[in-house]
Amino acid sequence: MPETTVVPGPREIFERMRRHWLENLGGIGGELAEDVVIEVPFAPSGRTRRYEGREAFLHFAGPEQAAFARRFRLDEIRDVVIHETTDPEAIVVEYELAGTVIATGDQAASAFIGVLRVRDGKIIHWREYQNTLAMIEVLGATERT
């Protein structure tokens, strides 16, 4: 009997995303479809709010994630709630990223909501709503130290 390959759905892919964020912040590229769309509707003024294509996102994400990792250590992803939708390709996730400001040792956290769409085991659309004020406060504090 031939082996059946199970294609990961949105829940499994979100679990992979969580592992990447904790273990290797930049390691998510393998989960992205070539034509992925990533949106950050509440990005601060002057920042890109939509990335079309894996390469476009990774071109931006690599340097941004490296800079973030020099200032903030992500310790946990907590208070995760996954909401199923009527679309088997999509879930809505609520979560909080918590970690440590490296320069001060202070603890900080920020809430997020994401809409994840997966097809054929790859992320085809990720829309993330961030608490940008909390992020700016935390990262702004690292610039003052």
C-alpha atoms as a PDB file:
ATOM      1  CA  MET A   1       0.000   0.000   0.000  1.00  0.00           C
ATOM      2  CA  PRO A   2       1.521   3.373  -0.980  1.00  0.00           C
ATOM      3  CA  GLU A   3       2.293   5.898   1.742  1.00  0.00           C
ATOM      4  CA  THR A   4      -0.088   8.786   2.021  1.00  0.00           C
ATOM      5  CA  THR A   5       1.548  12.150   2.438  1.00  0.00           C
ATOM      6  CA  VAL A   6      -0.298  14.392   4.835  1.00  0.00           C
ATOM      7  CA  VAL A   7      -0.165  17.994   3.692  1.00  0.00           C
ATOM      8  CA  PRO A   8      -0.028  20.364   6.666  1.00  0.00           C
ATOM      9  CA  GLY A   9      -2.975  22.681   7.100  1.00  0.00           C
ATOM     10  CA  PRO A  10      -3.110  26.102   8.704  1.00  0.00           C
ATOM     11  CA  ARG A  11      -2.954  24.834  12.318  1.00  0.00           C
ATOM     12  CA  GLU A  12       0.178  22.795  11.624  1.00  0.00           C
ATOM     13  CA  ILE A  13       1.786  25.628   9.707  1.00  0.00           C
ATOM     14  CA  PHE A  14       1.071  28.063  12.536  1.00  0.00           C
ATOM     15  CA  GLU A  15       2.772  25.658  14.948  1.00  0.00           C
ATOM     16  CA  ARG A  16       5.798  25.639  12.620  1.00  0.00           C
ATOM     17  CA  MET A  17       5.736  29.448  12.538  1.00  0.00           C
ATOM     18  CA  ARG A  18       5.793  29.535  16.347  1.00  0.00           C
ATOM     19  CA  ARG A  19       8.787  27.202  16.428  1.00  0.00           C
ATOM     20  CA  HIS A  20      10.611  29.323  13.851  1.00  0.00           C
ATOM     21  CA  TRP A  21       9.951  32.499  15.812  1.00  0.00           C
ATOM     22  CA  LEU A  22      11.411  30.952  18.972  1.00  0.00           C
ATOM     23  CA  GLU A  23      14.275  28.926  17.491  1.00  0.00           C
ATOM     24  CA  ASN A  24      15.279  30.753  14.312  1.00  0.00           C
ATOM     25  CA  LEU A  25      13.435  33.983  13.687  1.00  0.00           C
ATOM     26  CA  GLY A  26      14.452  34.091  10.030  1.00  0.00           C
ATOM     27  CA  GLY A  27      13.712  30.419   9.341  1.00  0.00           C
ATOM     28  CA  ILE A  28      10.165  30.836   8.080  1.00  0.00           C
ATOM     29  CA  GLY A  29      11.093  31.101   4.376  1.00  0.00           C
ATOM     30  CA  GLY A  30      10.549  27.408   3.733  1.00  0.00           C
ATOM     31  CA  GLU A  31       6.931  27.708   4.841  1.00  0.00           C
ATOM     32  CA  LEU A  32       6.110  30.470   2.340  1.00  0.00           C
ATOM     33  CA  ALA A  33       4.601  29.880  -1.090  1.00  0.00           C
ATOM     34  CA  GLU A  34       6.530  31.573  -3.876  1.00  0.00           C
ATOM     35  CA  ASP A  35       3.622  33.966  -4.503  1.00  0.00           C
ATOM     36  CA  VAL A  36       2.751  34.569  -0.832  1.00  0.00           C
ATOM     37  CA  VAL A  37       1.151  37.845   0.196  1.00  0.00           C
ATOM     38  CA  ILE A  38       2.080  39.179   3.623  1.00  0.00           C
ATOM     39  CA  GLU A  39       0.252  42.170   5.010  1.00  0.00           C
ATOM     40  CA  VAL A  40       0.788  44.305   8.092  1.00  0.00           C
ATOM     41  CA  PRO A  41      -2.169  46.740   7.915  1.00  0.00           C
ATOM     42  CA  PHE A  42      -1.240  48.633  11.088  1.00  0.00           C
ATOM     43  CA  ALA A  43       2.451  49.067  10.294  1.00  0.00           C
ATOM     44  CA  PRO A  44       3.805  52.444  11.420  1.00  0.00           C
ATOM     45  CA  SER A  45       3.693  55.300   8.953  1.00  0.00           C
ATOM     46  CA  GLY A  46       6.391  55.010   6.320  1.00  0.00           C
ATOM     47  CA  ARG A  47       6.714  51.235   6.655  1.00  0.00           C
ATOM     48  CA  THR A  48       5.694  48.753   3.999  1.00  0.00           C
ATOM     49  CA  ARG A  49       2.279  47.263   4.673  1.00  0.00           C
ATOM     50  CA  ARG A  50       2.112  44.660   1.896  1.00  0.00           C
ATOM     51  CA  TYR A  51       4.715  42.270   0.498  1.00  0.00           C
ATOM     52  CA  GLU A  52       3.988  40.277  -2.640  1.00  0.00           C
ATOM     53  CA  GLY A  53       6.127  37.184  -3.131  1.00  0.00           C
ATOM     54  CA  ARG A  54       8.472  35.175  -0.926  1.00  0.00           C
ATOM     55  CA  GLU A  55      11.623  36.888  -2.205  1.00  0.00           C
ATOM     56  CA  ALA A  56      10.228  40.386  -1.636  1.00  0.00           C
ATOM     57  CA  PHE A  57       9.296  39.509   1.938  1.00  0.00           C
ATOM     58  CA  LEU A  58      12.573  37.742   2.741  1.00  0.00           C
ATOM     59  CA  HIS A  59      14.554  40.659   1.294  1.00  0.00           C
ATOM     60  CA  PHE A  60      12.853  42.904   3.845  1.00  0.00           C
ATOM     61  CA  ALA A  61      12.558  40.417   6.704  1.00  0.00           C
ATOM     62  CA  GLY A  62      16.176  39.287   6.948  1.00  0.00           C
ATOM     63  CA  PRO A  63      17.694  42.628   7.964  1.00  0.00           C
ATOM     64  CA  GLU A  64      14.649  43.620  10.054  1.00  0.00           C
ATOM     65  CA  GLN A  65      14.684  40.357  12.002  1.00  0.00           C
ATOM     66  CA  ALA A  66      18.440  40.557  12.557  1.00  0.00           C
ATOM     67  CA  ALA A  67      18.105  44.099  13.943  1.00  0.00           C
ATOM     68  CA  PHE A  68      15.177  43.024  16.142  1.00  0.00           C
ATOM     69  CA  ALA A  69      17.134  40.015  17.480  1.00  0.00           C
ATOM     70  CA  ARG A  70      20.030  42.265  18.538  1.00  0.00           C
ATOM     71  CA  ARG A  71      17.653  44.279  20.721  1.00  0.00           C
ATOM     72  CA  PHE A  72      15.004  41.831  21.887  1.00  0.00           C
ATOM     73  CA  ARG A  73      15.035  38.139  22.799  1.00  0.00           C
ATOM     74  CA  LEU A  74      11.750  36.386  22.143  1.00  0.00           C
ATOM     75  CA  ASP A  75      11.103  34.085  25.104  1.00  0.00           C
ATOM     76  CA  GLU A  76       7.609  32.754  24.507  1.00  0.00           C
ATOM     77  CA  ILE A  77       4.456  32.899  22.460  1.00  0.00           C
ATOM     78  CA  ARG A  78       1.602  32.758  24.902  1.00  0.00           C
ATOM     79  CA  ASP A  79      -2.148  33.119  25.220  1.00  0.00           C
ATOM     80  CA  VAL A  80      -2.602  31.465  21.836  1.00  0.00           C
ATOM     81  CA  VAL A  81      -6.183  31.098  20.666  1.00  0.00           C
ATOM     82  CA  ILE A  82      -6.888  29.559  17.262  1.00  0.00           C
ATOM     83  CA  HIS A  83     -10.231  30.260  15.631  1.00  0.00           C
ATOM     84  CA  GLU A  84     -11.408  27.938  12.896  1.00  0.00           C
ATOM     85  CA  THR A  85     -13.192  29.455   9.917  1.00  0.00           C
ATOM     86  CA  THR A  86     -15.613  28.058   7.376  1.00  0.00           C
ATOM     87  CA  ASP A  87     -12.683  28.017   4.935  1.00  0.00           C
ATOM     88  CA  PRO A  88     -10.482  24.940   5.562  1.00  0.00           C
ATOM     89  CA  GLU A  89      -7.458  26.871   4.249  1.00  0.00           C
ATOM     90  CA  ALA A  90      -7.773  29.667   6.823  1.00  0.00           C
ATOM     91  CA  ILE A  91      -7.562  30.254  10.575  1.00  0.00           C
ATOM     92  CA  VAL A  92      -7.519  33.350  12.746  1.00  0.00           C
ATOM     93  CA  VAL A  93      -4.974  33.332  15.567  1.00  0.00           C
ATOM     94  CA  GLU A  94      -4.612  35.506  18.642  1.00  0.00           C
ATOM     95  CA  TYR A  95      -1.339  35.441  20.539  1.00  0.00           C
ATOM     96  CA  GLU A  96       1.097  37.442  22.578  1.00  0.00           C
ATOM     97  CA  LEU A  97       4.832  37.621  21.956  1.00  0.00           C
ATOM     98  CA  ALA A  98       6.791  37.989  25.171  1.00  0.00           C
ATOM     99  CA  GLY A  99      10.474  38.457  25.689  1.00  0.00           C
ATOM    100  CA  THR A 100      13.354  40.385  27.128  1.00  0.00           C
ATOM    101  CA  VAL A 101      14.881  43.704  26.131  1.00  0.00           C
ATOM    102  CA  ILE A 102      18.528  42.699  25.853  1.00  0.00           C
ATOM    103  CA  ALA A 103      20.045  46.041  26.891  1.00  0.00           C
ATOM    104  CA  THR A 104      18.025  46.335  30.102  1.00  0.00           C
ATOM    105  CA  GLY A 105      16.772  42.867  30.957  1.00  0.00           C
ATOM    106  CA  ASP A 106      13.226  44.275  31.125  1.00  0.00           C
ATOM    107  CA  GLN A 107      10.350  41.974  30.226  1.00  0.00           C
ATOM    108  CA  ALA A 108       7.921  43.102  27.536  1.00  0.00           C
ATOM    109  CA  ALA A 109       4.978  41.680  25.617  1.00  0.00           C
ATOM    110  CA  SER A 110       2.776  42.633  22.718  1.00  0.00           C
ATOM    111  CA  ALA A 111      -0.532  41.254  21.446  1.00  0.00           C
ATOM    112  CA  PHE A 112      -1.125  40.157  17.858  1.00  0.00           C
ATOM    113  CA  ILE A 113      -3.913  38.817  15.692  1.00  0.00           C
ATOM    114  CA  GLY A 114      -3.139  36.985  12.470  1.00  0.00           C
ATOM    115  CA  VAL A 115      -5.165  35.634   9.597  1.00  0.00           C
ATOM    116  CA  LEU A 116      -3.359  32.663   8.058  1.00  0.00           C
ATOM    117  CA  ARG A 117      -4.240  31.024   4.764  1.00  0.00           C
ATOM    118  CA  VAL A 118      -2.427  27.838   3.718  1.00  0.00           C
ATOM    119  CA  ARG A 119      -2.668  25.902   0.468  1.00  0.00           C
ATOM    120  CA  ASP A 120      -0.732  22.749  -0.437  1.00  0.00           C
ATOM    121  CA  GLY A 121       1.213  22.991   2.835  1.00  0.00           C
ATOM    122  CA  LYS A 122       2.518  26.528   2.190  1.00  0.00           C
ATOM    123  CA  ILE A 123       1.527  29.948   3.484  1.00  0.00           C
ATOM    124  CA  ILE A 124      -0.213  31.820   0.690  1.00  0.00           C
ATOM    125  CA  HIS A 125      -1.461  34.752   2.778  1.00  0.00           C
ATOM    126  CA  TRP A 126      -0.549  36.077   6.226  1.00  0.00           C
ATOM    127  CA  ARG A 127      -2.171  39.232   7.565  1.00  0.00           C
ATOM    128  CA  GLU A 128      -0.881  40.311  10.953  1.00  0.00           C
ATOM    129  CA  TYR A 129      -2.417  42.967  13.162  1.00  0.00           C
ATOM    130  CA  GLN A 130       0.183  44.161  15.637  1.00  0.00           C
ATOM    131  CA  ASN A 131       0.001  46.300  18.724  1.00  0.00           C
ATOM    132  CA  THR A 132       2.385  48.765  17.102  1.00  0.00           C
ATOM    133  CA  LEU A 133       2.344  51.216  20.022  1.00  0.00           C
ATOM    134  CA  ALA A 134       3.580  48.510  22.391  1.00  0.00           C
ATOM    135  CA  MET A 135       6.256  47.475  19.891  1.00  0.00           C
ATOM    136  CA  ILE A 136       7.425  51.072  19.431  1.00  0.00           C
ATOM    137  CA  GLU A 137       7.555  51.602  23.201  1.00  0.00           C
ATOM    138  CA  VAL A 138       9.636  48.477  23.748  1.00  0.00           C
ATOM    139  CA  LEU A 139      11.985  49.022  20.842  1.00  0.00           C
ATOM    140  CA  GLY A 140      12.181  52.769  21.487  1.00  0.00           C
ATOM    141  CA  ALA A 141      13.310  52.012  25.036  1.00  0.00           C
ATOM    142  CA  THR A 142      16.199  49.949  23.682  1.00  0.00           C
ATOM    143  CA  GLU A 143      17.390  52.932  21.634  1.00  0.00           C
ATOM    144  CA  ARG A 144      17.544  55.134  24.755  1.00  0.00           C
ATOM    145  CA  THR A 145      19.769  52.713  26.681  1.00  0.00           C
END
